[in-house]
Amino acid sequence: MKKLLEVELKRVQQSAVDVTLDPDTAHPKLILSDDGKQVKRGDVKKNLPDNPERFNRCAVVLGKQSFSSGRFYYEVQVKGKTDWDLGVVRESINRKGNISASPQNGYWAIRLWNKNNYSALADPPVSLSLEPRPEKVGVFVDYEEGLVSFYDVGAAALIYSFTGCCFTEKLYPYFSLNRPFNTKLIRFVNNIFDSAPLIISAVNHTE
């Protein structure tokens, strides 16, 4: 089984693409690296124009690259993070105000919240049991097949798949550092221990 999983991961890694973060979509409290490969939360809300592409309430940033056919794959280092969403979204999603992330609303994503609670943001959400905790997550999309799959790269294990999706628009990589269920105290504590960025990492093809 382990060998089969490694073969599967190697197969999807052949569809690796170069993804960078789009600063025009980033919430004003997010801090992006100069190379567009890293994002973390800041304490200061920057004075940025509230252009239509920008998320103004939720701590979200999208990838610059869009995809409307074929297959694509990218990997994100999540080691040391306590809260994140990763996945893809359709171009026409609502970017203003609060967000309800689900396939019906154009989001295909998985979430970690409060350090060890994983879920797939289906409708309703699906609780996931991931042990050990993934340190790097691979996101794979087959546009024509209507498939979005998530992999624990270190374990060469499939985390979750959305199947039977109907894609009719451009899809963008999606990154969120929201903490939707935290109290202010937990958020304060997490800010201390959750300072590491999400990092879009180069794909090292499995041997």
Protein backbone atom coordinates (compact mmCIF):
# COMPACT_ATOMS: atom_id res chain seq x y z
CA MET A 1 0.00 0.00 0.00
CA LYS A 2 2.82 2.39 0.88
CA LYS A 3 4.43 1.75 -2.51
CA LEU A 4 1.12 2.38 -4.30
CA LEU A 5 0.72 5.69 -2.46
CA GLU A 6 4.23 6.75 -3.43
CA VAL A 7 3.51 5.91 -7.07
CA GLU A 8 0.30 7.96 -6.91
CA LEU A 9 2.10 10.97 -5.41
CA LYS A 10 4.86 10.71 -8.01
CA ARG A 11 2.19 10.71 -10.73
CA VAL A 12 0.47 13.88 -9.55
CA GLN A 13 3.82 15.61 -8.95
CA GLN A 14 4.39 15.43 -12.71
CA SER A 15 1.77 18.20 -12.98
CA ALA A 16 3.74 20.61 -10.76
CA VAL A 17 3.39 24.30 -11.62
CA ASP A 18 5.06 27.46 -10.36
CA VAL A 19 2.72 29.32 -8.00
CA THR A 20 3.34 32.76 -6.52
CA LEU A 21 1.13 34.89 -4.29
CA ASP A 22 -0.83 37.84 -5.68
CA PRO A 23 -0.38 40.94 -3.47
CA ASP A 24 -3.42 42.60 -5.07
CA THR A 25 -5.65 39.95 -3.45
CA ALA A 26 -3.99 39.87 0.00
CA HIS A 27 -5.80 41.05 3.13
CA PRO A 28 -4.01 44.18 4.47
CA LYS A 29 -2.74 42.37 7.60
CA LEU A 30 -0.95 39.68 5.63
CA ILE A 31 2.80 39.94 5.06
CA LEU A 32 4.08 38.50 1.77
CA SER A 33 7.71 37.77 1.01
CA ASP A 34 9.38 39.64 -1.86
CA ASP A 35 9.52 36.47 -3.96
CA GLY A 36 5.80 35.81 -3.47
CA LYS A 37 6.41 32.38 -1.97
CA GLN A 38 5.66 33.02 1.72
CA VAL A 39 2.80 34.57 3.71
CA LYS A 40 2.27 35.19 7.41
CA ARG A 41 -0.03 37.28 9.57
CA GLY A 42 1.01 40.69 10.81
CA ASP A 43 -0.39 42.86 13.59
CA VAL A 44 -0.67 46.05 11.57
CA LYS A 45 -3.32 46.59 8.93
CA LYS A 46 -1.56 48.21 5.99
CA ASN A 47 -3.21 51.09 4.17
CA LEU A 48 -3.88 49.41 0.84
CA PRO A 49 -6.47 50.21 -1.83
CA ASP A 50 -9.65 48.15 -1.43
CA ASN A 51 -9.61 47.00 -5.03
CA PRO A 52 -12.19 44.41 -6.15
CA GLU A 53 -9.67 41.56 -6.03
CA ARG A 54 -8.67 42.13 -2.39
CA PHE A 55 -10.07 40.27 0.60
CA ASN A 56 -11.06 42.91 3.14
CA ARG A 57 -12.31 40.85 6.10
CA CYS A 58 -10.70 37.42 5.95
CA ALA A 59 -6.94 36.79 6.07
CA VAL A 60 -6.76 35.35 2.56
CA VAL A 61 -4.44 35.63 -0.42
CA LEU A 62 -4.73 33.94 -3.81
CA GLY A 63 -2.12 32.75 -6.25
CA LYS A 64 -1.33 34.93 -9.26
CA GLN A 65 -1.66 32.01 -11.64
CA SER A 66 -5.06 30.86 -12.88
CA PHE A 67 -5.97 27.52 -14.43
CA SER A 68 -8.91 26.72 -16.69
CA SER A 69 -7.92 23.33 -18.12
CA GLY A 70 -5.68 20.34 -17.60
CA ARG A 71 -3.95 19.31 -14.40
CA PHE A 72 -1.87 21.27 -11.92
CA TYR A 73 -0.16 20.57 -8.61
CA TYR A 74 1.71 22.59 -5.99
CA GLU A 75 3.05 22.05 -2.47
CA VAL A 76 2.85 24.20 0.66
CA GLN A 77 4.94 23.86 3.82
CA VAL A 78 2.63 24.09 6.83
CA LYS A 79 5.08 22.97 9.52
CA GLY A 80 4.65 24.91 12.76
CA LYS A 81 1.29 26.41 11.78
CA THR A 82 -1.78 26.17 14.01
CA ASP A 83 -4.42 27.48 11.59
CA TRP A 84 -4.68 27.50 7.79
CA ASP A 85 -6.87 26.77 4.79
CA LEU A 86 -5.43 25.47 1.52
CA GLY A 87 -7.05 24.67 -1.79
CA VAL A 88 -8.43 26.32 -4.90
CA VAL A 89 -11.24 28.79 -5.58
CA ARG A 90 -13.16 29.92 -8.63
CA GLU A 91 -12.55 33.42 -9.96
CA SER A 92 -16.01 34.82 -9.12
CA ILE A 93 -15.93 34.15 -5.35
CA ASN A 94 -17.03 36.90 -2.98
CA ARG A 95 -13.94 38.58 -1.54
CA LYS A 96 -15.61 41.13 0.73
CA GLY A 97 -16.91 40.57 4.23
CA ASN A 98 -17.08 37.20 5.95
CA ILE A 99 -16.59 34.07 3.88
CA SER A 100 -18.29 30.71 4.05
CA ALA A 101 -15.84 28.36 2.35
CA SER A 102 -17.59 25.46 0.62
CA PRO A 103 -17.78 24.00 -2.89
CA GLN A 104 -21.21 25.60 -3.33
CA ASN A 105 -19.56 28.98 -2.80
CA GLY A 106 -16.60 28.20 -5.05
CA TYR A 107 -14.07 26.92 -2.49
CA TRP A 108 -12.47 23.47 -2.53
CA ALA A 109 -10.21 23.43 0.52
CA ILE A 110 -9.06 21.71 3.68
CA ARG A 111 -8.56 23.44 7.04
CA LEU A 112 -6.50 23.17 10.20
CA TRP A 113 -7.83 25.10 13.19
CA ASN A 114 -6.79 25.30 16.84
CA LYS A 115 -3.60 23.31 16.23
CA ASN A 116 -4.99 19.80 15.70
CA ASN A 117 -8.49 19.97 14.21
CA TYR A 118 -8.49 19.10 10.51
CA SER A 119 -11.49 19.21 8.20
CA ALA A 120 -12.40 19.19 4.54
CA LEU A 121 -14.60 22.20 3.81
CA ALA A 122 -17.33 20.20 2.12
CA ASP A 123 -21.02 20.86 2.79
CA PRO A 124 -21.27 19.83 5.58
CA PRO A 125 -17.57 19.85 6.62
CA VAL A 126 -15.86 16.47 6.97
CA SER A 127 -13.67 15.92 10.02
CA LEU A 128 -10.24 14.47 9.18
CA SER A 129 -7.96 12.42 11.43
CA LEU A 130 -4.36 13.15 10.45
CA GLU A 131 -1.60 11.61 12.54
CA PRO A 132 1.19 12.49 12.37
CA ARG A 133 0.47 16.09 11.43
CA PRO A 134 1.38 16.93 7.82
CA GLU A 135 4.37 19.22 7.43
CA LYS A 136 3.92 19.70 3.70
CA VAL A 137 0.62 19.52 1.81
CA GLY A 138 0.29 18.87 -1.91
CA VAL A 139 -2.72 20.22 -3.82
CA PHE A 140 -3.66 18.52 -7.09
CA VAL A 141 -6.42 19.54 -9.52
CA ASP A 142 -7.68 17.78 -12.62
CA TYR A 143 -9.93 20.40 -14.22
CA GLU A 144 -11.68 18.16 -16.73
CA GLU A 145 -12.19 15.31 -14.25
CA GLY A 146 -13.60 17.67 -11.62
CA LEU A 147 -11.09 16.47 -9.03
CA VAL A 148 -9.30 18.28 -6.19
CA SER A 149 -7.01 16.10 -4.04
CA PHE A 150 -4.81 16.88 -1.06
CA TYR A 151 -1.71 14.90 -0.09
CA ASP A 152 0.52 14.62 2.95
CA VAL A 153 3.78 14.83 1.00
CA GLY A 154 6.03 13.46 3.76
CA ALA A 155 3.86 10.39 4.28
CA ALA A 156 2.97 10.07 0.57
CA ALA A 157 -0.64 9.76 1.77
CA LEU A 158 -3.91 11.01 0.33
CA ILE A 159 -5.63 13.35 2.81
CA TYR A 160 -8.93 14.01 1.02
CA SER A 161 -10.45 14.34 -2.46
CA PHE A 162 -13.34 16.42 -3.76
CA THR A 163 -14.78 14.47 -6.70
CA GLY A 164 -17.46 15.20 -9.27
CA CYS A 165 -16.75 18.94 -9.19
CA CYS A 166 -18.07 21.07 -12.04
CA PHE A 167 -15.52 23.70 -12.99
CA THR A 168 -16.66 26.41 -15.41
CA GLU A 169 -14.35 29.29 -14.46
CA LYS A 170 -10.69 29.98 -13.85
CA LEU A 171 -9.36 28.41 -10.65
CA TYR A 172 -6.84 30.11 -8.36
CA PRO A 173 -4.68 28.63 -5.57
CA TYR A 174 -6.14 29.66 -2.19
CA PHE A 175 -4.31 30.36 1.08
CA SER A 176 -5.97 31.47 4.31
CA LEU A 177 -4.57 32.22 7.75
CA ASN A 178 -7.95 32.72 9.39
CA ARG A 179 -8.76 31.45 12.83
CA PRO A 180 -12.54 31.09 12.63
CA PHE A 181 -13.27 29.39 15.94
CA ASN A 182 -10.72 30.95 18.29
CA THR A 183 -11.44 33.11 21.29
CA LYS A 184 -9.36 36.28 21.68
CA LEU A 185 -7.21 34.57 24.32
CA ILE A 186 -6.49 31.57 22.10
CA ARG A 187 -5.75 33.91 19.20
CA PHE A 188 -3.28 35.83 21.38
CA VAL A 189 -1.52 32.60 22.40
CA ASN A 190 -1.51 31.31 18.82
CA ASN A 191 0.04 34.55 17.58
CA ILE A 192 3.02 33.76 19.82
CA PHE A 193 3.41 30.15 18.67
CA ASP A 194 2.17 30.52 15.09
CA SER A 195 4.64 33.02 13.67
CA ALA A 196 5.93 30.70 10.94
CA PRO A 197 4.82 31.51 7.39
CA LEU A 198 3.02 29.31 4.91
CA ILE A 199 5.64 28.56 2.25
CA ILE A 200 5.01 27.54 -1.35
CA SER A 201 7.85 25.08 -1.79
CA ALA A 202 9.59 23.61 -4.78
CA VAL A 203 8.35 20.14 -5.67
CA ASN A 204 10.99 17.49 -5.05
CA HIS A 205 9.72 14.60 -7.14
CA THR A 206 9.39 11.39 -5.16
CA GLU A 207 12.02 8.82 -6.06
